[in-house]
């Protein structure tokens, strides 16, 4: 009986370790690209958008 309980403890530890490693990999996969993009993005990006306001001439009748 002692060998069975020891095996169960090892399996529980292995499962817990796998959960922690999996969570770390998932968090790294989700956050690392955001930090890399933010780090290598240029802060001097020019805003070349055209204004959305158009002058409309009203005709006088």
PDB file of N, CA and C in Angstrom:
ATOM      1  N   UNK A   1       0.810  -1.191   0.000  1.00  0.00           N
ATOM      2  CA  UNK A   1       0.000   0.000   0.000  1.00  0.00           C
ATOM      3  C   UNK A   1       0.863   1.268   0.000  1.00  0.00           C
ATOM      4  N   UNK A   2       1.987   1.178   0.589  1.00  0.00           N
ATOM      5  CA  UNK A   2       2.851   2.335   0.659  1.00  0.00           C
ATOM      6  C   UNK A   2       3.347   2.738  -0.722  1.00  0.00           C
ATOM      7  N   UNK A   3       3.619   1.772  -1.578  1.00  0.00           N
ATOM      8  CA  UNK A   3       4.102   2.102  -2.916  1.00  0.00           C
ATOM      9  C   UNK A   3       3.025   2.774  -3.757  1.00  0.00           C
ATOM     10  N   UNK A   4       1.770   2.406  -3.544  1.00  0.00           N
ATOM     11  CA  UNK A   4       0.683   3.045  -4.273  1.00  0.00           C
ATOM     12  C   UNK A   4       0.523   4.506  -3.869  1.00  0.00           C
ATOM     13  N   UNK A   5       0.597   4.795  -2.595  1.00  0.00           N
ATOM     14  CA  UNK A   5       0.445   6.180  -2.150  1.00  0.00           C
ATOM     15  C   UNK A   5       1.631   7.027  -2.608  1.00  0.00           C
ATOM     16  N   UNK A   6       2.817   6.451  -2.657  1.00  0.00           N
ATOM     17  CA  UNK A   6       3.976   7.195  -3.139  1.00  0.00           C
ATOM     18  C   UNK A   6       3.842   7.503  -4.629  1.00  0.00           C
ATOM     19  N   UNK A   7       3.320   6.569  -5.376  1.00  0.00           N
ATOM     20  CA  UNK A   7       3.098   6.785  -6.797  1.00  0.00           C
ATOM     21  C   UNK A   7       2.062   7.870  -7.029  1.00  0.00           C
ATOM     22  N   UNK A   8       1.023   7.879  -6.207  1.00  0.00           N
ATOM     23  CA  UNK A   8      -0.012   8.907  -6.325  1.00  0.00           C
ATOM     24  C   UNK A   8       0.555  10.284  -6.031  1.00  0.00           C
ATOM     25  N   UNK A   9       1.437  10.373  -5.048  1.00  0.00           N
ATOM     26  CA  UNK A   9       2.061  11.659  -4.721  1.00  0.00           C
ATOM     27  C   UNK A   9       2.951  12.130  -5.861  1.00  0.00           C
ATOM     28  N   UNK A  10       3.672  11.228  -6.499  1.00  0.00           N
ATOM     29  CA  UNK A  10       4.526  11.586  -7.622  1.00  0.00           C
ATOM     30  C   UNK A  10       3.686  12.050  -8.807  1.00  0.00           C
ATOM     31  N   UNK A  11       2.585  11.373  -9.064  1.00  0.00           N
ATOM     32  CA  UNK A  11       1.704  11.775 -10.158  1.00  0.00           C
ATOM     33  C   UNK A  11       1.089  13.141  -9.897  1.00  0.00           C
ATOM     34  N   UNK A  12       0.694  13.385  -8.636  1.00  0.00           N
ATOM     35  CA  UNK A  12       0.112  14.681  -8.284  1.00  0.00           C
ATOM     36  C   UNK A  12       1.146  15.786  -8.458  1.00  0.00           C
ATOM     37  N   UNK A  13       2.380  15.509  -8.027  1.00  0.00           N
ATOM     38  CA  UNK A  13       3.447  16.500  -8.182  1.00  0.00           C
ATOM     39  C   UNK A  13       3.739  16.758  -9.659  1.00  0.00           C
ATOM     40  N   UNK A  14       3.786  15.701 -10.449  1.00  0.00           N
ATOM     41  CA  UNK A  14       4.049  15.858 -11.877  1.00  0.00           C
ATOM     42  C   UNK A  14       2.930  16.645 -12.556  1.00  0.00           C
ATOM     43  N   UNK A  15       1.687  16.360 -12.164  1.00  0.00           N
ATOM     44  CA  UNK A  15       0.553  17.087 -12.736  1.00  0.00           C
ATOM     45  C   UNK A  15       0.602  18.563 -12.348  1.00  0.00           C
ATOM     46  N   UNK A  16       0.941  18.818 -11.102  1.00  0.00           N
ATOM     47  CA  UNK A  16       1.024  20.206 -10.629  1.00  0.00           C
ATOM     48  C   UNK A  16       2.144  20.946 -11.363  1.00  0.00           C
ATOM     49  N   UNK A  17       3.280  20.286 -11.533  1.00  0.00           N
ATOM     50  CA  UNK A  17       4.394  20.896 -12.242  1.00  0.00           C
ATOM     51  C   UNK A  17       4.035  21.168 -13.699  1.00  0.00           C
ATOM     52  N   UNK A  18       3.338  20.229 -14.320  1.00  0.00           N
ATOM     53  CA  UNK A  18       2.906  20.420 -15.707  1.00  0.00           C
ATOM     54  C   UNK A  18       1.929  21.582 -15.815  1.00  0.00           C
ATOM     55  N   UNK A  19       1.033  21.734 -14.833  1.00  0.00           N
ATOM     56  CA  UNK A  19       0.095  22.863 -14.828  1.00  0.00           C
ATOM     57  C   UNK A  19       0.831  24.196 -14.716  1.00  0.00           C
ATOM     58  N   UNK A  20       1.829  24.245 -13.854  1.00  0.00           N
ATOM     59  CA  UNK A  20       2.580  25.495 -13.657  1.00  0.00           C
ATOM     60  C   UNK A  20       3.375  25.840 -14.923  1.00  0.00           C
ATOM     61  N   UNK A  21       4.042  24.845 -15.495  1.00  0.00           N
ATOM     62  CA  UNK A  21       4.827  25.088 -16.712  1.00  0.00           C
ATOM     63  C   UNK A  21       3.900  25.483 -17.861  1.00  0.00           C
ATOM     64  N   UNK A  22       2.769  24.830 -17.988  1.00  0.00           N
ATOM     65  CA  UNK A  22       1.814  25.168 -19.042  1.00  0.00           C
ATOM     66  C   UNK A  22       1.273  26.572 -18.892  1.00  0.00           C
ATOM     67  N   UNK A  23       0.971  26.962 -17.665  1.00  0.00           N
ATOM     68  CA  UNK A  23       0.481  28.318 -17.411  1.00  0.00           C
ATOM     69  C   UNK A  23       1.554  29.350 -17.738  1.00  0.00           C
ATOM     70  N   UNK A  24       2.792  29.065 -17.369  1.00  0.00           N
ATOM     71  CA  UNK A  24       3.884  29.994 -17.668  1.00  0.00           C
ATOM     72  C   UNK A  24       4.077  30.145 -19.180  1.00  0.00           C
ATOM     73  N   UNK A  25       4.012  29.046 -19.903  1.00  0.00           N
ATOM     74  CA  UNK A  25       4.157  29.104 -21.359  1.00  0.00           C
ATOM     75  C   UNK A  25       3.000  29.881 -21.984  1.00  0.00           C
ATOM     76  N   UNK A  26       1.794  29.665 -21.486  1.00  0.00           N
ATOM     77  CA  UNK A  26       0.628  30.383 -22.025  1.00  0.00           C
ATOM     78  C   UNK A  26       0.749  31.884 -21.777  1.00  0.00           C
ATOM     79  N   UNK A  27       1.131  32.263 -20.571  1.00  0.00           N
ATOM     80  CA  UNK A  27       1.276  33.690 -20.275  1.00  0.00           C
ATOM     81  C   UNK A  27       2.393  34.319 -21.102  1.00  0.00           C
ATOM     82  N   UNK A  28       3.482  33.605 -21.268  1.00  0.00           N
ATOM     83  CA  UNK A  28       4.585  34.106 -22.080  1.00  0.00           C
ATOM     84  C   UNK A  28       4.163  34.262 -23.536  1.00  0.00           C
ATOM     85  N   UNK A  29       3.407  33.301 -24.032  1.00  0.00           N
ATOM     86  CA  UNK A  29       2.940  33.355 -25.419  1.00  0.00           C
ATOM     87  C   UNK A  29       1.994  34.523 -25.644  1.00  0.00           C
ATOM     88  N   UNK A  30       1.186  34.843 -24.646  1.00  0.00           N
ATOM     89  CA  UNK A  30       0.222  35.933 -24.801  1.00  0.00           C
ATOM     90  C   UNK A  30       0.834  37.306 -24.582  1.00  0.00           C
ATOM     91  N   UNK A  31       1.817  37.421 -23.688  1.00  0.00           N
ATOM     92  CA  UNK A  31       2.331  38.746 -23.346  1.00  0.00           C
ATOM     93  C   UNK A  31       3.604  39.131 -24.087  1.00  0.00           C
ATOM     94  N   UNK A  32       4.441  38.171 -24.433  1.00  0.00           N
ATOM     95  CA  UNK A  32       5.712  38.496 -25.073  1.00  0.00           C
ATOM     96  C   UNK A  32       5.545  39.246 -26.395  1.00  0.00           C
ATOM     97  N   UNK A  33       4.644  38.828 -27.297  1.00  0.00           N
ATOM     98  CA  UNK A  33       4.497  39.594 -28.545  1.00  0.00           C
ATOM     99  C   UNK A  33       4.088  41.047 -28.318  1.00  0.00           C
ATOM    100  N   UNK A  34       3.257  41.296 -27.322  1.00  0.00           N
ATOM    101  CA  UNK A  34       2.834  42.676 -27.043  1.00  0.00           C
ATOM    102  C   UNK A  34       4.031  43.514 -26.618  1.00  0.00           C
ATOM    103  N   UNK A  35       4.869  42.978 -25.748  1.00  0.00           N
ATOM    104  CA  UNK A  35       6.034  43.730 -25.294  1.00  0.00           C
ATOM    105  C   UNK A  35       7.060  43.916 -26.410  1.00  0.00           C
ATOM    106  N   UNK A  36       7.240  42.921 -27.253  1.00  0.00           N
ATOM    107  CA  UNK A  36       8.185  43.042 -28.363  1.00  0.00           C
ATOM    108  C   UNK A  36       7.703  44.091 -29.360  1.00  0.00           C
ATOM    109  N   UNK A  37       6.424  44.066 -29.695  1.00  0.00           N
ATOM    110  CA  UNK A  37       5.874  45.066 -30.626  1.00  0.00           C
ATOM    111  C   UNK A  37       5.980  46.456 -30.029  1.00  0.00           C
ATOM    112  N   UNK A  38       5.670  46.593 -28.753  1.00  0.00           N
ATOM    113  CA  UNK A  38       5.752  47.897 -28.102  1.00  0.00           C
ATOM    114  C   UNK A  38       7.196  48.397 -28.045  1.00  0.00           C
ATOM    115  N   UNK A  39       8.129  47.502 -27.846  1.00  0.00           N
ATOM    116  CA  UNK A  39       9.534  47.902 -27.753  1.00  0.00           C
ATOM    117  C   UNK A  39      10.092  48.355 -29.099  1.00  0.00           C
ATOM    118  N   UNK A  40       9.748  47.661 -30.160  1.00  0.00           N
ATOM    119  CA  UNK A  40      10.314  47.964 -31.476  1.00  0.00           C
ATOM    120  C   UNK A  40       9.454  48.935 -32.284  1.00  0.00           C
ATOM    121  N   UNK A  41       8.316  49.339 -31.764  1.00  0.00           N
ATOM    122  CA  UNK A  41       7.491  50.313 -32.480  1.00  0.00           C
ATOM    123  C   UNK A  41       8.135  51.683 -32.388  1.00  0.00           C
ATOM    124  N   UNK A  42       8.032  52.413 -33.455  1.00  0.00           N
ATOM    125  CA  UNK A  42       8.582  53.762 -33.470  1.00  0.00           C
ATOM    126  C   UNK A  42       7.635  54.699 -32.745  1.00  0.00           C
ATOM    127  N   UNK A  43       8.187  55.551 -31.903  1.00  0.00           N
ATOM    128  CA  UNK A  43       7.358  56.531 -31.205  1.00  0.00           C
ATOM    129  C   UNK A  43       7.191  57.798 -32.027  1.00  0.00           C
ATOM    130  N   UNK A  44       7.919  57.927 -33.133  1.00  0.00           N
ATOM    131  CA  UNK A  44       7.855  59.123 -33.970  1.00  0.00           C
ATOM    132  C   UNK A  44       7.020  58.885 -35.221  1.00  0.00           C
ATOM    133  N   UNK A  45       5.921  58.208 -35.076  1.00  0.00           N
ATOM    134  CA  UNK A  45       5.051  57.938 -36.220  1.00  0.00           C
ATOM    135  C   UNK A  45       4.260  59.202 -36.530  1.00  0.00           C
ATOM    136  N   UNK A  46       4.290  59.606 -37.795  1.00  0.00           N
ATOM    137  CA  UNK A  46       3.567  60.803 -38.191  1.00  0.00           C
ATOM    138  C   UNK A  46       2.130  60.436 -38.531  1.00  0.00           C
ATOM    139  N   UNK A  47       1.243  61.311 -38.156  1.00  0.00           N
ATOM    140  CA  UNK A  47      -0.171  61.098 -38.439  1.00  0.00           C
ATOM    141  C   UNK A  47      -0.494  61.825 -39.738  1.00  0.00           C
ATOM    142  N   UNK A  48      -0.613  61.074 -40.829  1.00  0.00           N
ATOM    143  CA  UNK A  48      -0.845  61.658 -42.153  1.00  0.00           C
ATOM    144  C   UNK A  48      -2.306  61.552 -42.583  1.00  0.00           C
ATOM    145  N   UNK A  49      -3.201  61.534 -41.653  1.00  0.00           N
ATOM    146  CA  UNK A  49      -4.611  61.427 -42.016  1.00  0.00           C
ATOM    147  C   UNK A  49      -5.122  62.764 -42.526  1.00  0.00           C
ATOM    148  N   UNK A  50      -5.976  62.684 -43.522  1.00  0.00           N
ATOM    149  CA  UNK A  50      -6.601  63.879 -44.058  1.00  0.00           C
ATOM    150  C   UNK A  50      -7.751  64.290 -43.133  1.00  0.00           C
ATOM    151  N   UNK A  51      -7.973  65.586 -43.012  1.00  0.00           N
ATOM    152  CA  UNK A  51      -9.105  66.018 -42.178  1.00  0.00           C
ATOM    153  C   UNK A  51     -10.424  65.580 -42.796  1.00  0.00           C
ATOM    154  N   UNK A  52     -11.373  65.268 -41.948  1.00  0.00           N
ATOM    155  CA  UNK A  52     -12.664  64.781 -42.415  1.00  0.00           C
ATOM    156  C   UNK A  52     -13.647  65.912 -42.704  1.00  0.00           C
ATOM    157  N   UNK A  53     -13.225  67.147 -42.488  1.00  0.00           N
ATOM    158  CA  UNK A  53     -14.107  68.294 -42.722  1.00  0.00           C
ATOM    159  C   UNK A  53     -13.928  68.769 -44.164  1.00  0.00           C
ATOM    160  N   UNK A  54     -15.017  68.854 -44.878  1.00  0.00           N
ATOM    161  CA  UNK A  54     -14.988  69.327 -46.256  1.00  0.00           C
ATOM    162  C   UNK A  54     -15.791  70.620 -46.339  1.00  0.00           C
ATOM    163  N   UNK A  55     -15.246  71.565 -47.073  1.00  0.00           N
ATOM    164  CA  UNK A  55     -15.953  72.832 -47.257  1.00  0.00           C
ATOM    165  C   UNK A  55     -17.006  72.651 -48.342  1.00  0.00           C
ATOM    166  N   UNK A  56     -18.232  72.949 -47.997  1.00  0.00           N
ATOM    167  CA  UNK A  56     -19.326  72.854 -48.959  1.00  0.00           C
ATOM    168  C   UNK A  56     -19.833  74.272 -49.227  1.00  0.00           C
ATOM    169  N   UNK A  57     -19.749  74.654 -50.486  1.00  0.00           N
ATOM    170  CA  UNK A  57     -20.222  75.991 -50.844  1.00  0.00           C
ATOM    171  C   UNK A  57     -21.707  75.930 -51.128  1.00  0.00           C
ATOM    172  N   UNK A  58     -22.427  76.783 -50.462  1.00  0.00           N
ATOM    173  CA  UNK A  58     -23.870  76.852 -50.674  1.00  0.00           C
ATOM    174  C   UNK A  58     -24.133  77.806 -51.843  1.00  0.00           C
ATOM    175  N   UNK A  59     -24.928  77.361 -52.758  1.00  0.00           N
ATOM    176  CA  UNK A  59     -25.253  78.228 -53.891  1.00  0.00           C
ATOM    177  C   UNK A  59     -26.386  79.173 -53.507  1.00  0.00           C
ATOM    178  N   UNK A  60     -26.270  80.430 -53.941  1.00  0.00           N
ATOM    179  CA  UNK A  60     -27.312  81.416 -53.655  1.00  0.00           C
ATOM    180  C   UNK A  60     -28.232  81.515 -54.841  1.00  0.00           C
ATOM    181  N   UNK A  61     -29.509  81.241 -54.626  1.00  0.00           N
ATOM    182  CA  UNK A  61     -30.487  81.338 -55.708  1.00  0.00           C
ATOM    183  C   UNK A  61     -31.248  82.616 -55.650  1.00  0.00           C
TER     184      UNK A  61
END
